[in-house]
Amino acid sequence: MEPLMQMLLESQRAQQEISGALLQQQIRANDLKEQELQQVPKWRPRAADFIPKLGVTDDVEAYLHAFEATAAREEWPRRQCVGLLAPFLSGEALKAFQDVEADMAHDYDQLKREILSRQGLTKFSMAQPLHNWTFLSGEIPRSQMHELIRVTKRWLEPDIHSPTDIMIDR
């Protein structure tokens, strides 16, 4: 019985040595992989990966909204938004970009206002849908509520203006 126990013990020791060697090998492989990952530059998304060129028939306001949503999702710095958007502009929007003063060249909000004003989307024109809005009893109230909220936000711009500014100005 003792020779059997001796063989089992030797077998177990050999197995532990092999397991230890494999573990060390795995640790070295993980370290090498980690070093490789740190040396490889991270992939940075390009605007062209997400944004199509503004077409002649595209709704400029919807296009700018989609751009802003993409910029927020991709966490692009606000200061770089003009540079990211510019190559995709065309027509009047491109002319607006070209006409914006050099000191405003990085101000996305200024560029957006200029583009929208050239499309005839002024504060007055944005207020018209709100003033003309009426509740339609035959349609779904929830969708009408969301439309009213959208039209109101479009006119008042609560992300830009404080409630005090809105009350005084409007």
Foldseek 3Di string as FASTA:
>chain_A
DVVVVVVVVVVVVVVVVVVVVVVVVVVVVVVVVVVVVVPDDDDQDALVVPAAADDPPDDVVVNVVSLVVVCVVSVPDLQCSLVRNQVRYDDLLNVLLVPDDPVCNRPPVVSSQSSCVVVVNDLVNLCVCLVPDDDDPVDDPVVSVVVNVVSVCSNQVCVVDPPVCSVVVD
